[in-house]
Amino acid sequence: MRRLLLRALLLLRATLLLRLRLLLRTQALLLRTLLLRQLLRLRAQASKL
């Protein structure tokens, strides 16, 4: 019984870690695109000056 519980916990932890990693990757991509957009906007403004 205890071994089964341990296995279930390990499986749950693995899926949670995987989901977290995917979430972090999407967050990082979003942040990077936002930063790039900001950078391009700043560069465009600087070239106008």
C-alpha atoms as a PDB file:
ATOM      1  CA  MET A   1       0.000   0.000   0.000  1.00  0.00           C
ATOM      2  CA  ARG A   2       2.740   2.400   0.994  1.00  0.00           C
ATOM      3  CA  ARG A   3       4.768   1.618  -2.108  1.00  0.00           C
ATOM      4  CA  LEU A   4       1.747   2.384  -4.274  1.00  0.00           C
ATOM      5  CA  LEU A   5       1.285   5.722  -2.521  1.00  0.00           C
ATOM      6  CA  LEU A   6       4.941   6.559  -3.034  1.00  0.00           C
ATOM      7  CA  ARG A   7       4.698   5.699  -6.715  1.00  0.00           C
ATOM      8  CA  ALA A   8       1.585   7.856  -7.072  1.00  0.00           C
ATOM      9  CA  LEU A   9       3.357  10.764  -5.377  1.00  0.00           C
ATOM     10  CA  LEU A  10       6.379  10.416  -7.650  1.00  0.00           C
ATOM     11  CA  LEU A  11       4.149  10.323 -10.698  1.00  0.00           C
ATOM     12  CA  LEU A  12       2.244  13.386  -9.521  1.00  0.00           C
ATOM     13  CA  ARG A  13       5.474  15.241  -8.874  1.00  0.00           C
ATOM     14  CA  ALA A  14       6.786  14.331 -12.312  1.00  0.00           C
ATOM     15  CA  THR A  15       3.658  15.585 -14.062  1.00  0.00           C
ATOM     16  CA  LEU A  16       3.651  18.767 -11.995  1.00  0.00           C
ATOM     17  CA  LEU A  17       7.291  19.433 -12.840  1.00  0.00           C
ATOM     18  CA  LEU A  18       6.619  18.842 -16.511  1.00  0.00           C
ATOM     19  CA  ARG A  19       3.636  21.183 -16.472  1.00  0.00           C
ATOM     20  CA  LEU A  20       5.637  23.798 -14.593  1.00  0.00           C
ATOM     21  CA  ARG A  21       8.466  23.541 -17.105  1.00  0.00           C
ATOM     22  CA  LEU A  22       6.066  24.033 -20.002  1.00  0.00           C
ATOM     23  CA  LEU A  23       4.494  26.995 -18.229  1.00  0.00           C
ATOM     24  CA  LEU A  24       7.880  28.540 -17.570  1.00  0.00           C
ATOM     25  CA  ARG A  25       8.880  28.070 -21.194  1.00  0.00           C
ATOM     26  CA  THR A  26       5.763  29.811 -22.473  1.00  0.00           C
ATOM     27  CA  GLN A  27       6.228  32.602 -19.928  1.00  0.00           C
ATOM     28  CA  ALA A  28       9.847  33.051 -21.018  1.00  0.00           C
ATOM     29  CA  LEU A  29       8.831  33.186 -24.677  1.00  0.00           C
ATOM     30  CA  LEU A  30       6.147  35.765 -23.951  1.00  0.00           C
ATOM     31  CA  LEU A  31       8.550  37.865 -21.921  1.00  0.00           C
ATOM     32  CA  ARG A  32      11.194  37.665 -24.637  1.00  0.00           C
ATOM     33  CA  THR A  33       8.790  38.773 -27.362  1.00  0.00           C
ATOM     34  CA  LEU A  34       7.581  41.644 -25.198  1.00  0.00           C
ATOM     35  CA  LEU A  35      11.138  42.745 -24.482  1.00  0.00           C
ATOM     36  CA  LEU A  36      12.085  42.502 -28.148  1.00  0.00           C
ATOM     37  CA  ARG A  37       9.066  44.577 -29.118  1.00  0.00           C
ATOM     38  CA  GLN A  38       9.992  47.189 -26.517  1.00  0.00           C
ATOM     39  CA  LEU A  39      13.573  47.235 -27.777  1.00  0.00           C
ATOM     40  CA  LEU A  40      12.472  47.707 -31.379  1.00  0.00           C
ATOM     41  CA  ARG A  41      10.146  50.518 -30.342  1.00  0.00           C
ATOM     42  CA  LEU A  42      12.940  52.235 -28.430  1.00  0.00           C
ATOM     43  CA  ARG A  43      15.292  51.843 -31.373  1.00  0.00           C
ATOM     44  CA  ALA A  44      12.698  53.339 -33.716  1.00  0.00           C
ATOM     45  CA  GLN A  45      12.215  56.293 -31.377  1.00  0.00           C
ATOM     46  CA  ALA A  46      15.971  56.785 -31.089  1.00  0.00           C
ATOM     47  CA  SER A  47      16.380  56.844 -34.860  1.00  0.00           C
ATOM     48  CA  LYS A  48      13.686  59.523 -35.130  1.00  0.00           C
ATOM     49  CA  LEU A  49      15.574  61.855 -32.789  1.00  0.00           C
END
